[in-house]
Amino acid sequence: MIGIRIQKKLQLADQATELQVDINLPKGKITALSGKSGAGKTSLLKMIAGLMKPDEGLITSGDETWLDTSAGIDMPPQKRKLAFVFQDYALFPNMTVEGNLRYAAGKSVDEKLIRHLLEITQLSGFKKVKPLQLSGGQQQRLALARALAQQPDLLLMDEPLSALDLEARQQLQQELLLLHREFKFTAILVSHDISEISILASKVIQLANGRVAAFGTIEELFGSPDRNTLKLTGRVIGVEEQWLIVLVNQQVVRLKKQNQNYQLGESISVQINPDLLQY
């Protein structure tokens, strides 16, 4: 489990705000981080990664303490067992695809893992190619593979698919799910896309004005009657064993089944937290 408790005074969205977060991330799950621009999402990731220091805080990964301001502990970023995946890929252009993975793996390169990552991301045929010769989707696959080559305790993904077109984004979402099923990594995914959140995440942290406005499962935040929810009409475009794939306001949302009688093309009413629809 990754424990995160931090406080820091920040200038967010043109106003002074104190970022206060106290959460425990479930191990082996993807947790989405959502909220309006200026809510503190990027600042939170930077503090977890050790790129920004909070005024007060405690960050732990299992039995290891990455940060404890009360004890004077502040592990440098390179010592924290985490990896970052950015929107702009941040690949090494002078290295080959394989070279990027080997560099990320460090001194103790696991040859079997490198080969497997190249295979599962469909990059085996491009291992001697430089990143700039790849398509956008291939570059993002390489960025994900490079992050996993580090075998991190925590993977931080800051809107990693937002620069891709719709078709490439949907394909990468499915590939990311496959990677997660195999490697079972713990991750934070920053996203404004309700469809992406519903497909990839098990839990959602909703930040607002530097505070955790909500932290729960997809079902709790998308449709709890106890929350201020928005009732919308959607069309069923897919039926899985436990889930419905519903088109709502031109966005694809995955929702937990309530009964077994849904039909493709059927119109249904859904309740969704309106804050998750704000970009």
Protein backbone atom coordinates (compact mmCIF):
# COMPACT_ATOMS: atom_id res chain seq x y z
CA MET A 1 0.00 0.00 0.00
CA ILE A 2 1.13 3.54 -0.76
CA GLY A 3 0.27 6.00 2.01
CA ILE A 4 0.16 9.71 1.16
CA ARG A 5 -0.43 12.48 3.68
CA ILE A 6 0.72 15.95 2.67
CA GLN A 7 0.05 19.64 3.25
CA LYS A 8 1.46 22.54 1.25
CA LYS A 9 0.48 26.14 0.63
CA LEU A 10 0.23 26.71 -3.12
CA GLN A 11 -0.87 29.30 -5.64
CA LEU A 12 -3.52 27.37 -7.56
CA ALA A 13 -5.78 28.86 -10.24
CA ASP A 14 -4.70 32.42 -9.33
CA GLN A 15 -5.51 32.04 -5.65
CA ALA A 16 -3.67 30.94 -2.54
CA THR A 17 -4.72 27.43 -1.54
CA GLU A 18 -3.49 24.83 0.90
CA LEU A 19 -3.20 21.41 -0.69
CA GLN A 20 -4.29 18.80 1.86
CA VAL A 21 -4.33 15.12 0.92
CA ASP A 22 -4.56 12.05 3.17
CA ILE A 23 -5.16 8.83 1.25
CA ASN A 24 -4.03 5.21 1.00
CA LEU A 25 -3.69 3.82 -2.51
CA PRO A 26 -4.81 0.19 -2.94
CA LYS A 27 -1.94 -2.04 -3.99
CA GLY A 28 -2.02 -3.40 -7.52
CA LYS A 29 -4.79 -1.05 -8.65
CA ILE A 30 -5.04 2.00 -10.91
CA THR A 31 -6.42 5.03 -9.07
CA ALA A 32 -7.59 7.97 -11.19
CA LEU A 33 -6.87 11.54 -10.11
CA SER A 34 -9.49 13.94 -11.43
CA GLY A 35 -10.38 17.59 -10.96
CA LYS A 36 -10.52 20.96 -12.67
CA SER A 37 -7.41 22.76 -13.86
CA GLY A 38 -5.70 24.28 -10.83
CA ALA A 39 -7.07 21.73 -8.37
CA GLY A 40 -3.56 20.58 -7.41
CA LYS A 41 -3.20 17.36 -9.42
CA THR A 42 0.22 18.04 -10.92
CA SER A 43 1.55 19.46 -7.64
CA LEU A 44 0.45 16.29 -5.86
CA LEU A 45 2.28 14.08 -8.37
CA LYS A 46 5.42 16.20 -8.04
CA MET A 47 5.40 15.83 -4.25
CA ILE A 48 4.88 12.07 -4.47
CA ALA A 49 7.80 11.87 -6.91
CA GLY A 50 10.05 14.03 -4.73
CA LEU A 51 10.18 16.89 -7.25
CA MET A 52 8.42 19.30 -4.87
CA LYS A 53 8.63 19.34 -1.08
CA PRO A 54 5.44 19.69 1.00
CA ASP A 55 5.30 21.86 4.13
CA GLU A 56 4.30 18.78 6.10
CA GLY A 57 3.98 15.22 4.96
CA LEU A 58 4.42 11.48 5.20
CA ILE A 59 4.70 9.23 2.15
CA THR A 60 5.27 5.50 2.59
CA SER A 61 5.53 2.53 0.25
CA GLY A 62 4.99 -0.62 2.25
CA ASP A 63 7.64 -0.58 4.99
CA GLU A 64 9.73 2.05 3.21
CA THR A 65 9.43 5.74 4.06
CA TRP A 66 9.93 8.10 1.13
CA LEU A 67 9.09 11.26 3.03
CA ASP A 68 8.59 12.16 6.69
CA THR A 69 9.00 15.87 7.34
CA SER A 70 8.71 15.34 11.11
CA ALA A 71 11.76 13.03 11.05
CA GLY A 72 13.73 14.94 8.42
CA ILE A 73 13.39 12.15 5.84
CA ASP A 74 13.17 13.22 2.19
CA MET A 75 14.30 10.46 -0.15
CA PRO A 76 15.52 11.88 -3.50
CA PRO A 77 13.44 11.08 -6.62
CA GLN A 78 15.96 8.58 -7.99
CA LYS A 79 15.80 6.56 -4.77
CA ARG A 80 12.00 6.35 -4.67
CA LYS A 81 10.85 3.21 -6.44
CA LEU A 82 8.49 4.92 -8.87
CA ALA A 83 8.22 5.72 -12.56
CA PHE A 84 6.62 8.57 -14.49
CA VAL A 85 4.74 8.46 -17.81
CA PHE A 86 4.14 11.91 -19.29
CA GLN A 87 1.85 13.23 -22.00
CA ASP A 88 4.90 14.16 -24.12
CA TYR A 89 6.55 10.71 -23.73
CA ALA A 90 9.96 12.14 -22.55
CA LEU A 91 11.90 9.44 -24.40
CA PHE A 92 15.64 9.56 -25.10
CA PRO A 93 15.80 10.44 -28.85
CA ASN A 94 19.46 9.43 -29.23
CA MET A 95 18.79 5.88 -27.98
CA THR A 96 17.03 3.03 -29.76
CA VAL A 97 13.76 1.56 -28.51
CA GLU A 98 15.68 -1.24 -26.82
CA GLY A 99 18.24 1.24 -25.50
CA ASN A 100 15.51 3.26 -23.79
CA LEU A 101 14.33 0.13 -21.98
CA ARG A 102 17.83 -0.95 -20.97
CA TYR A 103 18.68 2.49 -19.62
CA ALA A 104 15.48 2.52 -17.55
CA ALA A 105 16.19 -0.96 -16.18
CA GLY A 106 19.47 0.24 -14.67
CA LYS A 107 22.54 -1.85 -13.90
CA SER A 108 20.71 -5.12 -13.21
CA VAL A 109 19.01 -5.59 -16.59
CA ASP A 110 16.46 -8.42 -16.70
CA GLU A 111 16.88 -9.64 -20.29
CA LYS A 112 13.73 -11.75 -20.14
CA LEU A 113 11.69 -8.76 -18.94
CA ILE A 114 13.10 -6.51 -21.70
CA ARG A 115 12.19 -9.05 -24.39
CA HIS A 116 8.74 -9.56 -22.91
CA LEU A 117 8.01 -5.83 -22.71
CA LEU A 118 9.02 -5.42 -26.36
CA GLU A 119 6.70 -8.28 -27.32
CA ILE A 120 3.68 -7.25 -25.27
CA THR A 121 3.89 -3.64 -26.54
CA GLN A 122 4.35 -4.86 -30.14
CA LEU A 123 7.74 -3.17 -30.43
CA SER A 124 9.98 -6.22 -31.02
CA GLY A 125 10.32 -5.33 -34.69
CA PHE A 126 11.33 -1.77 -33.82
CA LYS A 127 13.93 -2.41 -31.10
CA LYS A 128 16.79 -0.91 -33.17
CA VAL A 129 14.70 2.11 -34.25
CA LYS A 130 14.99 5.60 -32.70
CA PRO A 131 11.85 6.97 -30.96
CA LEU A 132 11.29 9.80 -33.47
CA GLN A 133 10.80 7.18 -36.20
CA LEU A 134 7.80 5.74 -34.32
CA SER A 135 4.16 6.80 -34.46
CA GLY A 136 2.59 8.61 -31.52
CA GLY A 137 0.93 5.43 -30.31
CA GLN A 138 4.18 3.47 -30.58
CA GLN A 139 6.05 6.17 -28.67
CA GLN A 140 3.50 6.00 -25.86
CA ARG A 141 3.79 2.20 -25.78
CA LEU A 142 7.54 2.65 -25.45
CA ALA A 143 7.05 5.17 -22.63
CA LEU A 144 4.87 2.65 -20.76
CA ALA A 145 7.32 -0.20 -21.40
CA ARG A 146 10.23 1.95 -20.22
CA ALA A 147 8.37 2.78 -17.01
CA LEU A 148 7.61 -0.90 -16.35
CA ALA A 149 11.23 -1.87 -17.06
CA GLN A 150 12.06 -0.06 -13.81
CA GLN A 151 9.71 -2.45 -11.93
CA PRO A 152 8.33 0.44 -9.84
CA ASP A 153 6.28 0.24 -6.66
CA LEU A 154 4.23 3.14 -8.02
CA LEU A 155 3.58 4.31 -11.58
CA LEU A 156 2.57 7.96 -12.02
CA MET A 157 0.75 8.72 -15.29
CA ASP A 158 0.03 12.38 -16.06
CA GLU A 159 -2.59 12.39 -18.86
CA PRO A 160 -0.46 9.90 -20.83
CA LEU A 161 -2.93 9.36 -23.68
CA SER A 162 -4.40 12.84 -24.12
CA ALA A 163 -2.13 13.81 -27.04
CA LEU A 164 -3.31 10.84 -29.14
CA ASP A 165 -6.24 10.77 -31.54
CA LEU A 166 -9.41 8.95 -30.46
CA GLU A 167 -8.64 5.65 -32.22
CA ALA A 168 -5.08 5.48 -30.89
CA ARG A 169 -6.24 6.48 -27.40
CA GLN A 170 -8.87 3.75 -27.26
CA GLN A 171 -6.36 1.15 -28.48
CA LEU A 172 -3.77 2.24 -25.90
CA GLN A 173 -6.40 2.08 -23.14
CA GLN A 174 -6.98 -1.58 -23.92
CA GLU A 175 -3.24 -2.26 -24.09
CA LEU A 176 -2.73 -0.50 -20.77
CA LEU A 177 -5.39 -2.76 -19.26
CA LEU A 178 -3.55 -5.82 -20.59
CA LEU A 179 -0.26 -4.56 -19.15
CA HIS A 180 -1.94 -3.95 -15.80
CA ARG A 181 -3.51 -7.42 -15.71
CA GLU A 182 -0.08 -8.96 -16.25
CA PHE A 183 2.15 -6.75 -14.10
CA LYS A 184 -0.45 -5.72 -11.48
CA PHE A 185 1.31 -2.40 -10.86
CA THR A 186 -0.01 0.28 -8.49
CA ALA A 187 -0.66 3.51 -10.37
CA ILE A 188 -2.08 7.01 -10.23
CA LEU A 189 -3.64 8.14 -13.51
CA VAL A 190 -4.35 11.85 -14.01
CA SER A 191 -7.24 12.15 -16.46
CA HIS A 192 -10.13 14.45 -17.33
CA ASP A 193 -11.74 11.82 -19.57
CA ILE A 194 -14.68 10.11 -17.85
CA SER A 195 -14.54 7.28 -20.39
CA GLU A 196 -10.85 6.66 -19.72
CA ILE A 197 -11.40 6.77 -15.96
CA SER A 198 -14.27 4.29 -16.09
CA ILE A 199 -12.29 1.88 -18.29
CA LEU A 200 -8.95 1.96 -16.47
CA ALA A 201 -9.44 2.93 -12.83
CA SER A 202 -10.67 0.99 -9.82
CA LYS A 203 -10.92 4.09 -7.64
CA VAL A 204 -11.10 7.83 -8.22
CA ILE A 205 -9.64 10.72 -6.22
CA GLN A 206 -11.49 13.92 -7.02
CA LEU A 207 -9.53 17.05 -6.11
CA ALA A 208 -11.17 20.46 -5.70
CA ASN A 209 -9.42 23.58 -4.40
CA GLY A 210 -6.57 21.53 -2.98
CA ARG A 211 -8.79 19.12 -1.05
CA VAL A 212 -9.98 15.57 -1.65
CA ALA A 213 -13.63 16.24 -2.50
CA ALA A 214 -14.32 12.53 -3.07
CA PHE A 215 -12.40 9.25 -2.96
CA GLY A 216 -14.17 6.05 -3.86
CA THR A 217 -14.97 3.40 -6.42
CA ILE A 218 -16.23 4.13 -9.90
CA GLU A 219 -19.73 3.09 -8.85
CA GLU A 220 -19.74 5.37 -5.80
CA LEU A 221 -18.64 8.45 -7.71
CA PHE A 222 -20.56 7.77 -10.89
CA GLY A 223 -23.92 6.93 -9.44
CA SER A 224 -24.32 7.03 -5.67
CA PRO A 225 -27.75 8.36 -4.68
CA ASP A 226 -26.09 9.99 -1.65
CA ARG A 227 -24.10 12.34 -3.89
CA ASN A 228 -25.16 15.31 -5.97
CA THR A 229 -25.47 13.39 -9.23
CA LEU A 230 -26.58 14.29 -12.72
CA LYS A 231 -29.23 12.09 -14.34
CA LEU A 232 -28.56 11.50 -18.03
CA THR A 233 -29.82 9.23 -20.78
CA GLY A 234 -27.35 6.84 -22.35
CA ARG A 235 -27.41 4.12 -25.00
CA VAL A 236 -26.09 0.61 -24.34
CA ILE A 237 -23.33 -0.16 -26.86
CA GLY A 238 -21.78 -3.15 -25.13
CA VAL A 239 -22.71 -5.82 -22.57
CA GLU A 240 -20.05 -7.66 -20.54
CA GLU A 241 -20.40 -10.20 -17.74
CA GLN A 242 -20.60 -7.61 -14.94
CA TRP A 243 -20.42 -4.34 -16.84
CA LEU A 244 -22.34 -2.22 -19.32
CA ILE A 245 -20.65 -0.04 -21.93
CA VAL A 246 -22.85 3.04 -22.34
CA LEU A 247 -22.60 6.04 -24.67
CA VAL A 248 -23.41 9.17 -22.62
CA ASN A 249 -23.09 12.68 -24.07
CA GLN A 250 -20.67 11.41 -26.75
CA GLN A 251 -18.50 9.74 -24.11
CA VAL A 252 -18.18 6.00 -23.52
CA VAL A 253 -18.71 4.98 -19.89
CA ARG A 254 -18.36 1.55 -18.25
CA LEU A 255 -20.98 0.98 -15.53
CA LYS A 256 -21.73 -1.87 -13.14
CA LYS A 257 -24.75 -3.97 -14.18
CA GLN A 258 -27.88 -3.60 -12.07
CA ASN A 259 -29.78 -6.47 -13.73
CA GLN A 260 -29.24 -9.05 -16.48
CA ASN A 261 -31.78 -7.82 -19.02
CA TYR A 262 -29.98 -5.02 -20.86
CA GLN A 263 -30.04 -5.12 -24.65
CA LEU A 264 -27.71 -3.53 -27.19
CA GLY A 265 -29.12 -0.23 -28.39
CA GLU A 266 -31.37 0.15 -25.34
CA SER A 267 -31.75 3.65 -23.85
CA ILE A 268 -31.19 3.78 -20.10
CA SER A 269 -30.99 6.45 -17.40
CA VAL A 270 -27.66 6.81 -15.61
CA GLN A 271 -26.52 8.94 -12.69
CA ILE A 272 -23.08 10.50 -12.96
CA ASN A 273 -21.17 12.88 -10.73
CA PRO A 274 -21.22 16.10 -12.82
CA ASP A 275 -17.75 17.13 -11.64
CA LEU A 276 -16.31 14.18 -13.54
CA LEU A 277 -17.72 15.63 -16.76
CA GLN A 278 -15.88 18.93 -16.38
CA TYR A 279 -12.71 19.43 -18.44
